[in-house]
Amino acid sequence: MATTRRHSPRRTHPGLRLALLALLILPLFPTQAGAAAVTLAWDANAESTVAGYKVGYGTASGSYASTVDVGNWTSVNISGLETGRTYYFACKAYDSTGKESAYSGEISYTPPAAACTYSISPASQSFGSAGGTGSVTVSAASACAWSASSGASWITITAGAGGTGPGTVGYSVAANTSTASRSAAVSIAGNTFTVSQQGATASTVTITASAGTGGSISPSGTFTVAPGSSKKFTISPRWLYKIYDVKVNGVSVGAVKSYTFSSVRSNQTISATFKRKY
């Protein structure tokens, strides 16, 4: 709808003198990508016989394909303009008999494009070692373009590698044959979508146990156990020695006398060191 400002006629001369003053353009920022509006304002004609105004506009200079009858107002809001395209505007007055003046001086305006913003849902997804498929929803204004690309060879974009406006990206995750878990990022509309995947379950896992001088660990050596099983180890110092430290996978667990691996899923190590009491 037009946003206007009414003027009060000022009586100066009995005739109609349709000479308009300056036409002013007051741009409005686009409310959504691809669409914009502009407000035009002008000085009121001083003649009492002026009944109203008409604003013509179009995309070619001097050619006004569209006309808005503003009535007895001195401003109008014109919406539905295409961003990035130049429009030309001019105004003329008319009296109560329909007599019209020539158009005023022309003014042009190019609505700027609105900034595009994007969001995705979900932002991450987890998969088992067997892999699988999934999709991500992209939220964007209708005129905003975007693309999607995978950051890993085991993640494949199967649909929606690019688009404009709202859309959906489909992807597939290959099976993970390694026992190590993994993760990678997928770039979607400038956002990061994270995919994580569990490692494959090994048919067997090993536990390697060792002890330094001054004591022993039981059992000792390398053992093959079934995934998910448990194994207990006992650490014993010799005469005149004490337990100094016990490390599991290289990390100290203290000077403990025993340690139990529970629900083993990957290869493990345990080592014990000792020191003389005095």
Protein backbone atom coordinates (compact mmCIF):
# COMPACT_ATOMS: atom_id res chain seq x y z
CA MET A 1 0.00 0.00 0.00
CA ALA A 2 1.15 3.57 -0.65
CA THR A 3 2.59 5.57 2.22
CA THR A 4 1.77 9.21 1.49
CA ARG A 5 1.76 12.73 2.88
CA ARG A 6 -1.19 14.99 2.08
CA HIS A 7 -0.63 18.63 1.13
CA SER A 8 -2.85 21.65 1.67
CA PRO A 9 -3.36 23.71 -1.53
CA ARG A 10 -2.15 27.29 -1.30
CA ARG A 11 -4.22 29.76 -3.32
CA THR A 12 -1.96 32.08 -5.29
CA HIS A 13 -3.20 32.36 -8.88
CA PRO A 14 -6.53 31.48 -10.43
CA GLY A 15 -5.04 29.47 -13.30
CA LEU A 16 -3.34 26.08 -13.37
CA ARG A 17 0.40 26.31 -13.59
CA LEU A 18 1.69 22.76 -13.57
CA ALA A 19 5.35 23.34 -12.93
CA LEU A 20 6.55 20.78 -10.35
CA LEU A 21 9.45 21.26 -8.02
CA ALA A 22 12.18 18.75 -7.13
CA LEU A 23 11.43 15.03 -6.97
CA LEU A 24 13.17 13.35 -4.02
CA ILE A 25 13.91 9.64 -3.70
CA LEU A 26 14.06 8.02 -0.25
CA PRO A 27 15.31 4.41 -0.66
CA LEU A 28 14.13 1.64 1.61
CA PHE A 29 16.20 -1.46 2.25
CA PRO A 30 14.92 -4.69 0.71
CA THR A 31 12.61 -6.63 3.00
CA GLN A 32 13.61 -9.92 1.37
CA ALA A 33 16.14 -11.01 -1.24
CA GLY A 34 15.05 -10.06 -4.74
CA ALA A 35 12.37 -7.51 -3.73
CA ALA A 36 12.69 -3.89 -2.68
CA ALA A 37 10.70 -0.69 -2.26
CA VAL A 38 11.33 3.03 -2.60
CA THR A 39 9.61 6.16 -1.29
CA LEU A 40 9.26 9.19 -3.58
CA ALA A 41 8.49 12.67 -2.24
CA TRP A 42 8.10 16.05 -3.92
CA ASP A 43 7.22 19.64 -3.12
CA ALA A 44 3.54 20.50 -3.47
CA ASN A 45 2.46 22.56 -6.46
CA ALA A 46 1.34 25.96 -5.19
CA GLU A 47 -1.69 26.26 -7.50
CA SER A 48 -5.15 25.82 -5.97
CA THR A 49 -6.36 24.03 -9.10
CA VAL A 50 -4.03 21.05 -8.61
CA ALA A 51 -6.24 18.04 -7.83
CA GLY A 52 -3.53 15.38 -7.59
CA TYR A 53 -0.37 13.80 -8.86
CA LYS A 54 0.71 10.81 -10.91
CA VAL A 55 4.06 9.04 -10.65
CA GLY A 56 5.36 7.15 -13.66
CA TYR A 57 8.21 4.68 -13.51
CA GLY A 58 9.92 2.04 -15.62
CA THR A 59 13.24 0.40 -16.41
CA ALA A 60 14.06 2.63 -19.39
CA SER A 61 14.84 6.33 -19.14
CA GLY A 62 11.94 8.50 -20.33
CA SER A 63 9.64 5.47 -20.70
CA TYR A 64 7.26 4.87 -17.80
CA ALA A 65 5.48 1.55 -18.23
CA SER A 66 3.78 1.87 -14.84
CA THR A 67 1.82 4.80 -13.43
CA VAL A 68 0.54 5.37 -9.92
CA ASP A 69 -2.24 7.91 -9.29
CA VAL A 70 -1.23 9.28 -5.90
CA GLY A 71 -4.18 11.66 -5.51
CA ASN A 72 -3.74 14.80 -3.45
CA TRP A 73 -0.56 13.59 -1.69
CA THR A 74 3.11 14.53 -2.01
CA SER A 75 4.78 11.17 -1.44
CA VAL A 76 4.25 7.54 -2.39
CA ASN A 77 5.84 4.19 -1.57
CA ILE A 78 6.41 1.91 -4.55
CA SER A 79 7.19 -1.73 -3.76
CA GLY A 80 7.88 -4.89 -5.76
CA LEU A 81 11.06 -3.54 -7.33
CA GLU A 82 13.73 -5.97 -8.47
CA THR A 83 17.05 -5.63 -6.66
CA GLY A 84 20.05 -4.79 -8.83
CA ARG A 85 17.88 -3.27 -11.59
CA THR A 86 17.74 0.47 -12.35
CA TYR A 87 14.34 2.21 -12.31
CA TYR A 88 13.46 5.69 -13.57
CA PHE A 89 10.82 7.89 -11.93
CA ALA A 90 9.03 11.15 -12.77
CA CYS A 91 5.96 12.96 -11.45
CA LYS A 92 3.24 15.15 -13.00
CA ALA A 93 0.24 17.06 -11.67
CA TYR A 94 -3.37 17.14 -12.89
CA ASP A 95 -6.38 19.36 -12.21
CA SER A 96 -10.03 18.53 -11.60
CA THR A 97 -10.76 18.42 -15.35
CA GLY A 98 -8.01 15.84 -15.94
CA LYS A 99 -5.60 18.25 -17.53
CA GLU A 100 -2.04 17.09 -16.86
CA SER A 101 1.30 18.83 -16.72
CA ALA A 102 4.45 17.53 -18.32
CA TYR A 103 6.53 15.12 -16.30
CA SER A 104 8.97 16.53 -13.79
CA GLY A 105 12.68 15.97 -14.02
CA GLU A 106 13.57 12.29 -13.97
CA ILE A 107 15.33 10.52 -11.16
CA SER A 108 16.77 6.99 -11.14
CA TYR A 109 17.36 4.40 -8.43
CA THR A 110 18.90 0.91 -8.32
CA PRO A 111 17.70 -1.10 -5.30
CA PRO A 112 20.64 -2.89 -3.64
CA ALA A 113 20.47 -6.63 -3.19
CA ALA A 114 19.72 -7.85 0.32
CA ALA A 115 22.46 -9.77 2.14
CA CYS A 116 21.88 -13.52 2.01
CA THR A 117 21.92 -15.54 5.22
CA TYR A 118 21.92 -19.32 5.46
CA SER A 119 21.31 -21.97 8.12
CA ILE A 120 21.31 -25.77 8.07
CA SER A 121 19.63 -28.47 10.11
CA PRO A 122 20.96 -30.66 11.61
CA ALA A 123 24.50 -29.40 12.14
CA SER A 124 26.01 -32.86 12.71
CA GLN A 125 25.26 -36.58 12.41
CA SER A 126 26.83 -39.78 13.75
CA PHE A 127 27.00 -43.17 11.98
CA GLY A 128 28.01 -46.68 12.89
CA SER A 129 30.86 -48.46 11.12
CA ALA A 130 28.46 -49.73 8.43
CA GLY A 131 27.80 -46.17 7.20
CA GLY A 132 24.48 -45.01 5.78
CA THR A 133 22.68 -42.06 4.21
CA GLY A 134 21.22 -38.80 5.45
CA SER A 135 20.04 -35.34 4.48
CA VAL A 136 20.49 -31.74 5.58
CA THR A 137 17.89 -28.98 5.22
CA VAL A 138 19.10 -25.59 3.95
CA SER A 139 17.20 -22.45 4.92
CA ALA A 140 17.75 -19.42 2.65
CA ALA A 141 15.82 -16.63 0.95
CA SER A 142 14.44 -17.45 -2.50
CA ALA A 143 17.08 -15.51 -4.47
CA CYS A 144 20.10 -16.67 -2.46
CA ALA A 145 22.37 -19.23 -4.15
CA TRP A 146 24.45 -21.82 -2.27
CA SER A 147 26.51 -24.97 -2.82
CA ALA A 148 27.59 -28.08 -0.93
CA SER A 149 30.87 -30.02 -1.02
CA SER A 150 32.34 -32.93 0.93
CA GLY A 151 35.63 -32.67 2.79
CA ALA A 152 36.31 -36.42 2.80
CA SER A 153 36.40 -39.21 0.20
CA TRP A 154 34.15 -41.42 2.35
CA ILE A 155 31.31 -38.85 2.35
CA THR A 156 29.55 -38.39 -0.98
CA ILE A 157 27.03 -35.67 -1.87
CA THR A 158 24.23 -37.57 -3.62
CA ALA A 159 21.70 -34.74 -4.14
CA GLY A 160 21.51 -30.98 -3.79
CA ALA A 161 25.15 -30.11 -4.50
CA GLY A 162 23.88 -26.58 -5.20
CA GLY A 163 20.69 -24.58 -5.29
CA THR A 164 18.90 -21.27 -4.80
CA GLY A 165 16.62 -20.60 -1.85
CA PRO A 166 15.45 -23.36 0.51
CA GLY A 167 16.67 -26.85 -0.34
CA THR A 168 17.89 -30.24 0.81
CA VAL A 169 21.33 -31.86 0.53
CA GLY A 170 21.51 -35.65 0.41
CA TYR A 171 24.69 -37.57 1.27
CA SER A 172 26.01 -41.07 1.86
CA VAL A 173 28.66 -42.37 4.26
CA ALA A 174 30.81 -45.34 3.24
CA ALA A 175 31.52 -48.26 5.58
CA ASN A 176 34.49 -47.80 7.91
CA THR A 177 36.73 -50.87 7.66
CA SER A 178 39.26 -49.47 10.13
CA THR A 179 38.87 -50.03 13.87
CA ALA A 180 39.59 -46.31 14.42
CA SER A 181 36.70 -43.87 14.51
CA ARG A 182 36.74 -40.89 12.14
CA SER A 183 35.06 -37.57 11.46
CA ALA A 184 34.99 -35.01 8.65
CA ALA A 185 33.30 -31.76 7.69
CA VAL A 186 30.92 -31.08 4.82
CA SER A 187 30.52 -27.47 3.66
CA ILE A 188 26.87 -26.60 3.03
CA ALA A 189 25.79 -23.03 2.20
CA GLY A 190 28.79 -21.66 4.06
CA ASN A 191 27.99 -23.72 7.17
CA THR A 192 29.90 -26.70 8.54
CA PHE A 193 28.09 -30.02 8.77
CA THR A 194 30.08 -32.58 10.80
CA VAL A 195 29.89 -36.31 10.17
CA SER A 196 31.37 -38.72 12.72
CA GLN A 197 31.62 -42.48 12.34
CA GLN A 198 32.53 -45.36 14.62
CA GLY A 199 35.35 -47.74 13.76
CA ALA A 200 34.78 -51.33 12.76
CA THR A 201 34.71 -53.94 15.54
CA ALA A 202 37.83 -56.10 15.43
CA SER A 203 37.45 -59.88 15.48
CA THR A 204 40.15 -60.04 18.17
CA VAL A 205 42.10 -57.51 20.22
CA THR A 206 45.44 -57.84 21.97
CA ILE A 207 46.69 -56.82 25.40
CA THR A 208 50.42 -56.52 25.94
CA ALA A 209 51.69 -56.59 29.55
CA SER A 210 55.30 -55.91 30.64
CA ALA A 211 57.25 -55.20 33.84
CA GLY A 212 60.58 -53.55 34.56
CA THR A 213 63.38 -54.58 36.89
CA GLY A 214 62.35 -55.17 40.49
CA GLY A 215 58.98 -56.83 40.03
CA SER A 216 56.54 -58.66 37.80
CA ILE A 217 53.11 -58.39 36.20
CA SER A 218 50.82 -61.38 35.92
CA PRO A 219 49.95 -62.52 33.39
CA SER A 220 52.84 -61.19 31.30
CA GLY A 221 53.29 -61.02 27.55
CA THR A 222 50.84 -60.50 24.67
CA PHE A 223 47.35 -61.96 24.83
CA THR A 224 44.57 -62.22 22.30
CA VAL A 225 41.09 -61.67 23.72
CA ALA A 226 37.60 -61.44 22.31
CA PRO A 227 36.17 -57.93 21.78
CA GLY A 228 34.10 -56.87 24.78
CA SER A 229 35.86 -59.18 27.22
CA SER A 230 37.74 -58.21 30.41
CA LYS A 231 41.22 -59.05 31.67
CA LYS A 232 42.79 -58.53 35.12
CA PHE A 233 46.52 -58.00 35.76
CA THR A 234 48.35 -58.20 39.11
CA ILE A 235 51.52 -56.20 39.81
CA SER A 236 53.98 -57.57 42.40
CA PRO A 237 57.30 -56.02 43.57
CA ARG A 238 60.28 -58.17 44.56
CA TRP A 239 62.10 -58.12 47.88
CA LEU A 240 63.45 -54.66 48.71
CA TYR A 241 61.43 -53.09 45.83
CA LYS A 242 58.14 -51.22 45.65
CA ILE A 243 55.78 -50.38 42.81
CA TYR A 244 56.78 -47.04 41.28
CA ASP A 245 54.18 -46.58 38.52
CA VAL A 246 51.72 -48.42 36.26
CA LYS A 247 50.87 -47.08 32.82
CA VAL A 248 47.91 -48.10 30.65
CA ASN A 249 48.33 -47.19 27.00
CA GLY A 250 51.15 -44.87 28.05
CA VAL A 251 49.10 -43.00 30.67
CA SER A 252 49.86 -43.36 34.37
CA VAL A 253 47.18 -44.92 36.58
CA GLY A 254 49.35 -44.71 39.71
CA ALA A 255 51.24 -47.27 41.81
CA VAL A 256 48.35 -49.74 41.78
CA LYS A 257 48.67 -53.43 42.71
CA SER A 258 46.15 -54.57 40.08
CA TYR A 259 44.36 -53.29 37.00
CA THR A 260 41.40 -54.66 35.07
CA PHE A 261 40.60 -53.95 31.44
CA SER A 262 36.81 -53.98 31.00
CA SER A 263 34.89 -54.46 27.74
CA VAL A 264 38.03 -54.31 25.61
CA ARG A 265 37.34 -53.04 22.07
CA SER A 266 40.82 -52.13 20.82
CA ASN A 267 44.43 -53.14 21.39
CA GLN A 268 45.79 -52.24 24.84
CA THR A 269 49.10 -52.05 26.70
CA ILE A 270 50.00 -52.11 30.39
CA SER A 271 53.47 -51.69 31.89
CA ALA A 272 54.80 -51.57 35.46
CA THR A 273 57.97 -50.02 36.87
CA PHE A 274 59.56 -50.50 40.29
CA LYS A 275 62.14 -48.78 42.52
CA ARG A 276 64.19 -49.85 45.50
CA LYS A 277 62.78 -49.01 48.89
CA TYR A 278 66.19 -47.79 50.12
